[in-house]
PDB file of N, CA and C in Angstrom:
ATOM      1  N   MET A   1      80.648  96.854 -79.944  1.00  0.00           N
ATOM      2  CA  MET A   1      81.520  96.219 -79.597  1.00  0.00           C
ATOM      3  C   MET A   1      82.577  96.233 -78.621  1.00  0.00           C
ATOM      4  N   ALA A   2      83.455  95.259 -77.830  1.00  0.00           N
ATOM      5  CA  ALA A   2      84.785  96.247 -77.236  1.00  0.00           C
ATOM      6  C   ALA A   2      86.044  95.911 -77.977  1.00  0.00           C
ATOM      7  N   ASN A   3      86.782  97.059 -77.895  1.00  0.00           N
ATOM      8  CA  ASN A   3      87.375  97.015 -79.112  1.00  0.00           C
ATOM      9  C   ASN A   3      89.391  97.066 -77.982  1.00  0.00           C
ATOM     10  N   THR A   4      89.379  96.918 -76.719  1.00  0.00           N
ATOM     11  CA  THR A   4      90.700  96.379 -76.003  1.00  0.00           C
ATOM     12  C   THR A   4      90.397  95.159 -75.846  1.00  0.00           C
ATOM     13  N   ALA A   5      91.463  94.363 -75.319  1.00  0.00           N
ATOM     14  CA  ALA A   5      91.454  93.264 -75.022  1.00  0.00           C
ATOM     15  C   ALA A   5      90.894  92.806 -73.382  1.00  0.00           C
ATOM     16  N   GLN A   6      91.217  93.699 -72.619  1.00  0.00           N
ATOM     17  CA  GLN A   6      90.576  93.687 -71.210  1.00  0.00           C
ATOM     18  C   GLN A   6      88.921  94.330 -71.479  1.00  0.00           C
ATOM     19  N   ALA A   7      88.400  95.151 -72.689  1.00  0.00           N
ATOM     20  CA  ALA A   7      87.587  95.038 -72.702  1.00  0.00           C
ATOM     21  C   ALA A   7      86.274  93.746 -72.499  1.00  0.00           C
ATOM     22  N   ARG A   8      87.219  92.985 -74.201  1.00  0.00           N
ATOM     23  CA  ARG A   8      86.612  92.015 -74.375  1.00  0.00           C
ATOM     24  C   ARG A   8      86.524  90.877 -73.097  1.00  0.00           C
ATOM     25  N   LYS A   9      87.374  90.961 -72.122  1.00  0.00           N
ATOM     26  CA  LYS A   9      87.570  90.025 -71.229  1.00  0.00           C
ATOM     27  C   LYS A   9      86.421  90.039 -70.151  1.00  0.00           C
ATOM     28  N   ARG A  10      86.156  91.758 -70.209  1.00  0.00           N
ATOM     29  CA  ARG A  10      85.555  91.920 -68.915  1.00  0.00           C
ATOM     30  C   ARG A  10      83.516  91.486 -69.637  1.00  0.00           C
ATOM     31  N   ALA A  11      83.844  92.120 -70.866  1.00  0.00           N
ATOM     32  CA  ALA A  11      82.304  91.456 -71.662  1.00  0.00           C
ATOM     33  C   ALA A  11      82.218  89.712 -71.478  1.00  0.00           C
ATOM     34  N   ARG A  12      83.198  88.981 -71.585  1.00  0.00           N
ATOM     35  CA  ARG A  12      83.095  87.461 -71.359  1.00  0.00           C
ATOM     36  C   ARG A  12      82.774  87.799 -69.790  1.00  0.00           C
ATOM     37  N   GLN A  13      83.492  88.385 -69.075  1.00  0.00           N
ATOM     38  CA  GLN A  13      83.323  87.798 -67.628  1.00  0.00           C
ATOM     39  C   GLN A  13      81.801  88.069 -67.175  1.00  0.00           C
ATOM     40  N   ALA A  14      81.350  89.495 -67.547  1.00  0.00           N
ATOM     41  CA  ALA A  14      79.950  89.929 -67.195  1.00  0.00           C
ATOM     42  C   ALA A  14      78.919  89.113 -67.546  1.00  0.00           C
ATOM     43  N   GLU A  15      79.154  88.488 -68.742  1.00  0.00           N
ATOM     44  CA  GLU A  15      78.454  87.326 -69.444  1.00  0.00           C
ATOM     45  C   GLU A  15      78.003  86.459 -68.745  1.00  0.00           C
ATOM     46  N   ALA A  16      79.627  85.624 -68.535  1.00  0.00           N
ATOM     47  CA  ALA A  16      79.644  84.191 -67.253  1.00  0.00           C
ATOM     48  C   ALA A  16      78.433  84.949 -65.980  1.00  0.00           C
ATOM     49  N   THR A  17      78.646  85.804 -65.690  1.00  0.00           N
ATOM     50  CA  THR A  17      78.011  86.424 -64.141  1.00  0.00           C
ATOM     51  C   THR A  17      76.527  86.426 -64.055  1.00  0.00           C
ATOM     52  N   ARG A  18      76.175  87.285 -65.599  1.00  0.00           N
ATOM     53  CA  ARG A  18      74.944  87.068 -65.463  1.00  0.00           C
ATOM     54  C   ARG A  18      73.770  85.824 -65.971  1.00  0.00           C
ATOM     55  N   LYS A  19      74.488  84.916 -66.718  1.00  0.00           N
ATOM     56  CA  LYS A  19      74.049  83.491 -66.401  1.00  0.00           C
ATOM     57  C   LYS A  19      74.017  83.024 -65.318  1.00  0.00           C
ATOM     58  N   ARG A  20      75.522  82.946 -64.562  1.00  0.00           N
ATOM     59  CA  ARG A  20      75.219  82.183 -62.999  1.00  0.00           C
ATOM     60  C   ARG A  20      73.890  83.250 -61.918  1.00  0.00           C
ATOM     61  N   ASN A  21      73.869  84.479 -62.286  1.00  0.00           N
ATOM     62  CA  ASN A  21      72.927  85.199 -61.286  1.00  0.00           C
ATOM     63  C   ASN A  21      71.773  84.871 -61.615  1.00  0.00           C
ATOM     64  N   ALA A  22      71.534  84.455 -63.010  1.00  0.00           N
ATOM     65  CA  ALA A  22      69.514  84.578 -63.295  1.00  0.00           C
ATOM     66  C   ALA A  22      69.693  82.893 -63.195  1.00  0.00           C
ATOM     67  N   SER A  23      70.688  82.165 -63.117  1.00  0.00           N
ATOM     68  CA  SER A  23      70.192  80.634 -62.433  1.00  0.00           C
ATOM     69  C   SER A  23      69.773  80.472 -61.211  1.00  0.00           C
ATOM     70  N   LEU A  24      70.887  81.763 -60.314  1.00  0.00           N
ATOM     71  CA  LEU A  24      70.577  81.066 -58.812  1.00  0.00           C
ATOM     72  C   LEU A  24      69.386  82.065 -58.820  1.00  0.00           C
ATOM     73  N   LYS A  25      68.956  82.912 -59.542  1.00  0.00           N
ATOM     74  CA  LYS A  25      67.668  83.941 -58.981  1.00  0.00           C
ATOM     75  C   LYS A  25      66.772  83.038 -59.627  1.00  0.00           C
ATOM     76  N   SER A  26      66.452  81.952 -60.326  1.00  0.00           N
ATOM     77  CA  SER A  26      65.328  80.762 -60.814  1.00  0.00           C
ATOM     78  C   SER A  26      65.625  79.891 -59.790  1.00  0.00           C
ATOM     79  N   GLU A  27      66.448  79.775 -59.284  1.00  0.00           N
ATOM     80  CA  GLU A  27      66.596  78.202 -58.301  1.00  0.00           C
ATOM     81  C   GLU A  27      65.646  79.189 -56.929  1.00  0.00           C
ATOM     82  N   LEU A  28      66.166  80.059 -56.266  1.00  0.00           N
ATOM     83  CA  LEU A  28      65.127  81.036 -55.674  1.00  0.00           C
ATOM     84  C   LEU A  28      63.749  80.927 -55.581  1.00  0.00           C
ATOM     85  N   ARG A  29      63.426  81.020 -57.017  1.00  0.00           N
ATOM     86  CA  ARG A  29      61.783  81.100 -57.795  1.00  0.00           C
ATOM     87  C   ARG A  29      61.303  79.864 -57.555  1.00  0.00           C
ATOM     88  N   THR A  30      61.663  78.771 -58.020  1.00  0.00           N
ATOM     89  CA  THR A  30      61.669  77.433 -57.430  1.00  0.00           C
ATOM     90  C   THR A  30      61.488  76.954 -56.645  1.00  0.00           C
ATOM     91  N   ALA A  31      62.144  77.418 -55.263  1.00  0.00           N
ATOM     92  CA  ALA A  31      62.220  77.401 -54.032  1.00  0.00           C
ATOM     93  C   ALA A  31      61.073  77.547 -53.455  1.00  0.00           C
ATOM     94  N   VAL A  32      60.697  79.065 -53.805  1.00  0.00           N
ATOM     95  CA  VAL A  32      59.461  80.083 -53.263  1.00  0.00           C
ATOM     96  C   VAL A  32      58.051  79.197 -53.704  1.00  0.00           C
ATOM     97  N   LYS A  33      57.989  78.920 -55.446  1.00  0.00           N
ATOM     98  CA  LYS A  33      57.036  78.161 -55.844  1.00  0.00           C
ATOM     99  C   LYS A  33      56.625  76.870 -54.865  1.00  0.00           C
ATOM    100  N   LYS A  34      57.634  75.499 -54.786  1.00  0.00           N
ATOM    101  CA  LYS A  34      57.577  74.711 -53.877  1.00  0.00           C
ATOM    102  C   LYS A  34      56.962  74.801 -52.928  1.00  0.00           C
ATOM    103  N   VAL A  35      56.966  75.833 -51.664  1.00  0.00           N
ATOM    104  CA  VAL A  35      56.563  75.756 -51.049  1.00  0.00           C
ATOM    105  C   VAL A  35      55.109  76.342 -50.771  1.00  0.00           C
ATOM    106  N   ARG A  36      54.887  77.433 -51.980  1.00  0.00           N
ATOM    107  CA  ARG A  36      53.449  77.981 -52.204  1.00  0.00           C
ATOM    108  C   ARG A  36      52.455  76.865 -52.800  1.00  0.00           C
ATOM    109  N   LYS A  37      53.069  75.964 -53.553  1.00  0.00           N
ATOM    110  CA  LYS A  37      52.511  74.577 -53.875  1.00  0.00           C
ATOM    111  C   LYS A  37      52.292  73.917 -52.854  1.00  0.00           C
ATOM    112  N   SER A  38      52.785  73.541 -51.672  1.00  0.00           N
ATOM    113  CA  SER A  38      52.434  72.833 -50.671  1.00  0.00           C
ATOM    114  C   SER A  38      51.610  73.222 -49.758  1.00  0.00           C
ATOM    115  N   ILE A  39      51.064  74.491 -49.762  1.00  0.00           N
ATOM    116  CA  ILE A  39      50.704  75.394 -49.183  1.00  0.00           C
ATOM    117  C   ILE A  39      48.986  75.423 -49.829  1.00  0.00           C
ATOM    118  N   ALA A  40      49.474  75.467 -50.858  1.00  0.00           N
ATOM    119  CA  ALA A  40      48.044  75.193 -51.634  1.00  0.00           C
ATOM    120  C   ALA A  40      47.631  73.740 -51.486  1.00  0.00           C
ATOM    121  N   ALA A  41      48.484  72.967 -51.470  1.00  0.00           N
ATOM    122  CA  ALA A  41      47.744  71.524 -51.040  1.00  0.00           C
ATOM    123  C   ALA A  41      46.987  71.806 -49.142  1.00  0.00           C
ATOM    124  N   GLY A  42      47.513  72.191 -49.089  1.00  0.00           N
ATOM    125  CA  GLY A  42      46.914  72.237 -47.697  1.00  0.00           C
ATOM    126  C   GLY A  42      47.177  71.581 -46.942  1.00  0.00           C
ATOM    127  N   ASP A  43      48.750  70.962 -47.466  1.00  0.00           N
ATOM    128  CA  ASP A  43      49.769  69.864 -46.390  1.00  0.00           C
ATOM    129  C   ASP A  43      50.476  70.512 -45.449  1.00  0.00           C
ATOM    130  N   LYS A  44      49.796  71.045 -43.893  1.00  0.00           N
ATOM    131  CA  LYS A  44      51.294  71.752 -43.141  1.00  0.00           C
ATOM    132  C   LYS A  44      52.474  71.193 -42.820  1.00  0.00           C
ATOM    133  N   ALA A  45      52.361  70.017 -42.535  1.00  0.00           N
ATOM    134  CA  ALA A  45      53.392  69.039 -42.329  1.00  0.00           C
ATOM    135  C   ALA A  45      54.388  69.449 -43.632  1.00  0.00           C
ATOM    136  N   ALA A  46      53.914  69.153 -44.789  1.00  0.00           N
ATOM    137  CA  ALA A  46      54.798  69.149 -45.845  1.00  0.00           C
ATOM    138  C   ALA A  46      55.240  70.514 -46.012  1.00  0.00           C
ATOM    139  N   ALA A  47      54.546  71.381 -45.883  1.00  0.00           N
ATOM    140  CA  ALA A  47      54.596  73.156 -46.326  1.00  0.00           C
ATOM    141  C   ALA A  47      55.771  73.336 -45.709  1.00  0.00           C
ATOM    142  N   THR A  48      55.560  72.734 -44.300  1.00  0.00           N
ATOM    143  CA  THR A  48      56.949  73.388 -42.896  1.00  0.00           C
ATOM    144  C   THR A  48      58.186  72.791 -43.439  1.00  0.00           C
ATOM    145  N   THR A  49      58.090  71.543 -44.173  1.00  0.00           N
ATOM    146  CA  THR A  49      59.521  70.515 -44.365  1.00  0.00           C
ATOM    147  C   THR A  49      59.499  71.690 -45.650  1.00  0.00           C
ATOM    148  N   GLN A  50      59.244  72.119 -46.014  1.00  0.00           N
ATOM    149  CA  GLN A  50      59.396  72.173 -48.213  1.00  0.00           C
ATOM    150  C   GLN A  50      59.915  73.952 -47.360  1.00  0.00           C
ATOM    151  N   LEU A  51      59.531  74.214 -46.603  1.00  0.00           N
ATOM    152  CA  LEU A  51      60.343  75.823 -46.288  1.00  0.00           C
ATOM    153  C   LEU A  51      61.269  75.580 -45.480  1.00  0.00           C
ATOM    154  N   ARG A  52      61.585  74.875 -44.376  1.00  0.00           N
ATOM    155  CA  ARG A  52      62.887  74.602 -43.710  1.00  0.00           C
ATOM    156  C   ARG A  52      64.107  74.488 -44.933  1.00  0.00           C
ATOM    157  N   GLU A  53      63.608  74.067 -45.804  1.00  0.00           N
ATOM    158  CA  GLU A  53      64.923  73.450 -46.927  1.00  0.00           C
ATOM    159  C   GLU A  53      64.668  74.541 -48.168  1.00  0.00           C
ATOM    160  N   SER A  54      63.603  74.971 -48.025  1.00  0.00           N
ATOM    161  CA  SER A  54      63.675  76.743 -48.954  1.00  0.00           C
ATOM    162  C   SER A  54      64.553  78.088 -48.539  1.00  0.00           C
ATOM    163  N   GLN A  55      64.104  78.212 -46.694  1.00  0.00           N
ATOM    164  CA  GLN A  55      64.913  78.953 -45.933  1.00  0.00           C
ATOM    165  C   GLN A  55      66.654  78.789 -46.253  1.00  0.00           C
ATOM    166  N   ALA A  56      67.081  77.988 -46.563  1.00  0.00           N
ATOM    167  CA  ALA A  56      68.459  77.455 -47.001  1.00  0.00           C
ATOM    168  C   ALA A  56      69.100  78.171 -48.082  1.00  0.00           C
ATOM    169  N   VAL A  57      68.187  77.715 -49.234  1.00  0.00           N
ATOM    170  CA  VAL A  57      68.163  78.158 -50.629  1.00  0.00           C
ATOM    171  C   VAL A  57      68.417  79.717 -50.672  1.00  0.00           C
ATOM    172  N   ILE A  58      67.290  80.394 -50.044  1.00  0.00           N
ATOM    173  CA  ILE A  58      66.747  81.574 -49.895  1.00  0.00           C
ATOM    174  C   ILE A  58      68.120  82.458 -49.012  1.00  0.00           C
ATOM    175  N   ASP A  59      68.382  81.694 -47.951  1.00  0.00           N
ATOM    176  CA  ASP A  59      70.043  82.772 -47.345  1.00  0.00           C
ATOM    177  C   ASP A  59      71.473  82.581 -48.122  1.00  0.00           C
ATOM    178  N   ARG A  60      71.460  81.642 -49.108  1.00  0.00           N
ATOM    179  CA  ARG A  60      72.450  80.937 -49.583  1.00  0.00           C
ATOM    180  C   ARG A  60      72.557  82.254 -50.363  1.00  0.00           C
ATOM    181  N   ILE A  61      71.171  82.286 -51.323  1.00  0.00           N
ATOM    182  CA  ILE A  61      71.424  83.203 -52.510  1.00  0.00           C
ATOM    183  C   ILE A  61      71.751  84.928 -51.993  1.00  0.00           C
ATOM    184  N   ALA A  62      70.945  85.357 -50.559  1.00  0.00           N
ATOM    185  CA  ALA A  62      71.103  86.542 -50.144  1.00  0.00           C
ATOM    186  C   ALA A  62      72.546  86.827 -49.533  1.00  0.00           C
ATOM    187  N   ASP A  63      72.764  86.036 -49.588  1.00  0.00           N
ATOM    188  CA  ASP A  63      74.326  86.003 -48.688  1.00  0.00           C
ATOM    189  C   ASP A  63      75.611  85.777 -50.214  1.00  0.00           C
ATOM    190  N   LYS A  64      75.263  85.671 -51.303  1.00  0.00           N
ATOM    191  CA  LYS A  64      75.945  85.477 -52.563  1.00  0.00           C
ATOM    192  C   LYS A  64      75.656  87.329 -52.949  1.00  0.00           C
ATOM    193  N   LYS A  65      74.641  87.898 -52.549  1.00  0.00           N
ATOM    194  CA  LYS A  65      74.055  88.859 -53.031  1.00  0.00           C
ATOM    195  C   LYS A  65      73.333  89.222 -54.030  1.00  0.00           C
ATOM    196  N   ILE A  66      73.269  88.310 -54.473  1.00  0.00           N
ATOM    197  CA  ILE A  66      72.076  87.962 -55.780  1.00  0.00           C
ATOM    198  C   ILE A  66      70.890  88.668 -56.034  1.00  0.00           C
ATOM    199  N   VAL A  67      70.371  88.341 -54.771  1.00  0.00           N
ATOM    200  CA  VAL A  67      69.135  89.461 -54.367  1.00  0.00           C
ATOM    201  C   VAL A  67      69.447  90.175 -52.790  1.00  0.00           C
ATOM    202  N   HIS A  68      68.944  91.372 -52.876  1.00  0.00           N
ATOM    203  CA  HIS A  68      68.949  91.588 -51.282  1.00  0.00           C
ATOM    204  C   HIS A  68      68.575  91.142 -49.928  1.00  0.00           C
ATOM    205  N   ARG A  69      69.369  91.020 -48.866  1.00  0.00           N
ATOM    206  CA  ARG A  69      69.007  90.415 -47.556  1.00  0.00           C
ATOM    207  C   ARG A  69      67.844  90.664 -47.235  1.00  0.00           C
ATOM    208  N   ASN A  70      67.065  91.750 -47.634  1.00  0.00           N
ATOM    209  CA  ASN A  70      65.994  92.333 -47.125  1.00  0.00           C
ATOM    210  C   ASN A  70      64.589  91.706 -47.671  1.00  0.00           C
ATOM    211  N   LEU A  71      64.696  91.619 -49.116  1.00  0.00           N
ATOM    212  CA  LEU A  71      64.312  90.494 -49.644  1.00  0.00           C
ATOM    213  C   LEU A  71      63.617  89.402 -49.771  1.00  0.00           C
ATOM    214  N   ALA A  72      64.892  88.832 -48.820  1.00  0.00           N
ATOM    215  CA  ALA A  72      64.804  87.192 -48.716  1.00  0.00           C
ATOM    216  C   ALA A  72      64.397  86.909 -47.364  1.00  0.00           C
ATOM    217  N   SER A  73      65.078  88.130 -46.688  1.00  0.00           N
ATOM    218  CA  SER A  73      63.977  88.029 -44.864  1.00  0.00           C
ATOM    219  C   SER A  73      62.695  88.213 -45.406  1.00  0.00           C
ATOM    220  N   ARG A  74      62.093  89.267 -46.098  1.00  0.00           N
ATOM    221  CA  ARG A  74      60.358  89.282 -46.162  1.00  0.00           C
ATOM    222  C   ARG A  74      59.904  88.324 -46.782  1.00  0.00           C
ATOM    223  N   THR A  75      60.683  87.760 -47.712  1.00  0.00           N
ATOM    224  CA  THR A  75      59.974  86.685 -48.226  1.00  0.00           C
ATOM    225  C   THR A  75      59.961  85.477 -47.439  1.00  0.00           C
ATOM    226  N   LYS A  76      60.806  84.822 -46.914  1.00  0.00           N
ATOM    227  CA  LYS A  76      60.938  83.517 -45.540  1.00  0.00           C
ATOM    228  C   LYS A  76      59.824  84.030 -44.603  1.00  0.00           C
ATOM    229  N   SER A  77      59.639  85.693 -44.676  1.00  0.00           N
ATOM    230  CA  SER A  77      58.721  85.920 -43.449  1.00  0.00           C
ATOM    231  C   SER A  77      57.171  85.402 -43.818  1.00  0.00           C
ATOM    232  N   ARG A  78      56.710  85.785 -45.356  1.00  0.00           N
ATOM    233  CA  ARG A  78      55.928  85.844 -45.637  1.00  0.00           C
ATOM    234  C   ARG A  78      55.424  84.279 -46.025  1.00  0.00           C
ATOM    235  N   LEU A  79      56.155  83.811 -46.145  1.00  0.00           N
ATOM    236  CA  LEU A  79      55.363  81.945 -46.645  1.00  0.00           C
ATOM    237  C   LEU A  79      55.772  81.638 -45.150  1.00  0.00           C
ATOM    238  N   ALA A  80      56.281  82.000 -43.993  1.00  0.00           N
ATOM    239  CA  ALA A  80      55.869  81.059 -42.531  1.00  0.00           C
ATOM    240  C   ALA A  80      54.898  81.915 -42.076  1.00  0.00           C
ATOM    241  N   GLN A  81      54.333  83.025 -42.362  1.00  0.00           N
ATOM    242  CA  GLN A  81      52.966  83.567 -42.228  1.00  0.00           C
ATOM    243  C   GLN A  81      51.738  82.948 -42.822  1.00  0.00           C
ATOM    244  N   ALA A  82      52.361  82.457 -44.420  1.00  0.00           N
ATOM    245  CA  ALA A  82      51.143  81.391 -44.751  1.00  0.00           C
ATOM    246  C   ALA A  82      50.788  80.152 -43.396  1.00  0.00           C
ATOM    247  N   ILE A  83      52.166  79.510 -43.771  1.00  0.00           N
ATOM    248  CA  ILE A  83      52.054  78.164 -42.793  1.00  0.00           C
ATOM    249  C   ILE A  83      51.466  78.657 -41.686  1.00  0.00           C
ATOM    250  N   ARG A  84      51.262  79.749 -41.220  1.00  0.00           N
ATOM    251  CA  ARG A  84      51.259  79.806 -39.444  1.00  0.00           C
ATOM    252  C   ARG A  84      49.880  79.795 -39.906  1.00  0.00           C
ATOM    253  N   THR A  85      49.022  80.501 -40.802  1.00  0.00           N
ATOM    254  CA  THR A  85      47.448  80.969 -40.989  1.00  0.00           C
ATOM    255  C   THR A  85      46.738  79.516 -41.758  1.00  0.00           C
ATOM    256  N   MET A  86      47.646  78.682 -41.999  1.00  0.00           N
ATOM    257  CA  MET A  86      46.680  77.463 -42.500  1.00  0.00           C
ATOM    258  C   MET A  86      46.073  76.713 -41.329  1.00  0.00           C
ATOM    259  N   PRO A  87      44.701  76.079 -41.626  1.00  0.00           N
ATOM    260  CA  PRO A  87      44.075  75.303 -40.249  1.00  0.00           C
ATOM    261  C   PRO A  87      44.859  74.220 -40.398  1.00  0.00           C
TER     262      PRO A  87
END
Protein backbone atom coordinates (compact mmCIF):
# COMPACT_ATOMS: atom_id res chain seq x y z
CA MET A 1 0.00 0.00 0.00
CA ALA A 2 1.10 3.57 -0.65
CA ASN A 3 2.84 5.18 2.29
CA THR A 4 2.83 8.86 1.38
CA ALA A 5 -0.06 11.17 0.61
CA GLN A 6 1.33 11.68 -2.88
CA ALA A 7 1.50 7.93 -3.51
CA ARG A 8 -2.05 7.44 -2.21
CA LYS A 9 -3.29 10.16 -4.56
CA ARG A 10 -1.45 8.64 -7.53
CA ALA A 11 -2.99 5.25 -6.69
CA ARG A 12 -6.47 6.83 -6.71
CA GLN A 13 -5.78 8.59 -9.99
CA ALA A 14 -4.39 5.44 -11.58
CA GLU A 15 -7.49 3.48 -10.60
CA ALA A 16 -9.81 6.14 -12.02
CA THR A 17 -7.81 6.21 -15.26
CA ARG A 18 -7.84 2.41 -15.49
CA LYS A 19 -11.64 2.34 -15.17
CA ARG A 20 -12.06 5.07 -17.78
CA ASN A 21 -9.72 3.33 -20.22
CA ALA A 22 -11.47 -0.02 -19.69
CA SER A 23 -14.83 1.59 -20.40
CA LEU A 24 -13.55 3.16 -23.62
CA LYS A 25 -11.97 -0.10 -24.80
CA SER A 26 -15.27 -1.84 -24.14
CA GLU A 27 -17.04 0.84 -26.20
CA LEU A 28 -14.62 0.19 -29.06
CA ARG A 29 -15.18 -3.58 -28.96
CA THR A 30 -18.95 -3.04 -28.90
CA ALA A 31 -18.77 -0.76 -31.95
CA VAL A 32 -16.77 -3.38 -33.87
CA LYS A 33 -19.20 -6.15 -32.85
CA LYS A 34 -22.15 -4.10 -34.14
CA VAL A 35 -20.54 -3.83 -37.58
CA ARG A 36 -19.66 -7.54 -37.62
CA LYS A 37 -23.24 -8.40 -36.65
CA SER A 38 -24.57 -6.33 -39.57
CA ILE A 39 -22.12 -8.05 -41.91
CA ALA A 40 -23.18 -11.48 -40.65
CA ALA A 41 -26.82 -10.56 -41.21
CA GLY A 42 -25.97 -9.90 -44.86
CA ASP A 43 -27.39 -6.37 -44.96
CA LYS A 44 -24.79 -4.31 -46.83
CA ALA A 45 -26.59 -0.97 -46.40
CA ALA A 46 -26.96 -1.43 -42.66
CA ALA A 47 -23.36 -2.59 -42.36
CA THR A 48 -22.13 0.49 -44.22
CA THR A 49 -24.15 2.79 -41.98
CA GLN A 50 -22.95 0.98 -38.88
CA LEU A 51 -19.33 1.19 -40.07
CA ARG A 52 -19.60 4.95 -40.52
CA GLU A 53 -20.86 5.33 -36.94
CA SER A 54 -18.23 2.95 -35.59
CA GLN A 55 -15.37 4.73 -37.36
CA ALA A 56 -16.10 7.85 -35.32
CA VAL A 57 -15.91 5.83 -32.09
CA ILE A 58 -12.71 4.05 -33.16
CA ASP A 59 -11.00 7.30 -34.17
CA ARG A 60 -12.03 9.07 -30.97
CA ILE A 61 -10.59 6.30 -28.82
CA ALA A 62 -7.38 6.19 -30.87
CA ASP A 63 -7.00 9.98 -30.56
CA LYS A 64 -7.08 9.58 -26.77
CA LYS A 65 -4.32 6.97 -27.12
CA ILE A 66 -6.39 4.29 -25.41
CA VAL A 67 -5.45 2.05 -28.34
CA HIS A 68 -2.67 2.58 -30.87
CA ARG A 69 -3.61 4.47 -34.03
CA ASN A 70 -2.37 1.56 -36.16
CA LEU A 71 -4.77 -0.81 -34.39
CA ALA A 72 -7.61 1.61 -35.07
CA SER A 73 -6.64 1.94 -38.73
CA ARG A 74 -6.25 -1.82 -39.15
CA THR A 75 -9.64 -2.47 -37.55
CA LYS A 76 -11.42 0.05 -39.79
CA SER A 77 -9.67 -1.33 -42.85
CA ARG A 78 -10.64 -4.92 -42.10
CA LEU A 79 -14.26 -3.99 -41.46
CA ALA A 80 -14.43 -1.96 -44.69
CA GLN A 81 -12.87 -4.85 -46.61
CA ALA A 82 -15.42 -7.27 -45.16
CA ILE A 83 -18.24 -4.99 -46.32
CA ARG A 84 -16.72 -4.58 -49.80
CA THR A 85 -16.57 -8.34 -50.27
CA MET A 86 -20.22 -8.79 -49.32
CA PRO A 87 -22.45 -9.97 -52.17
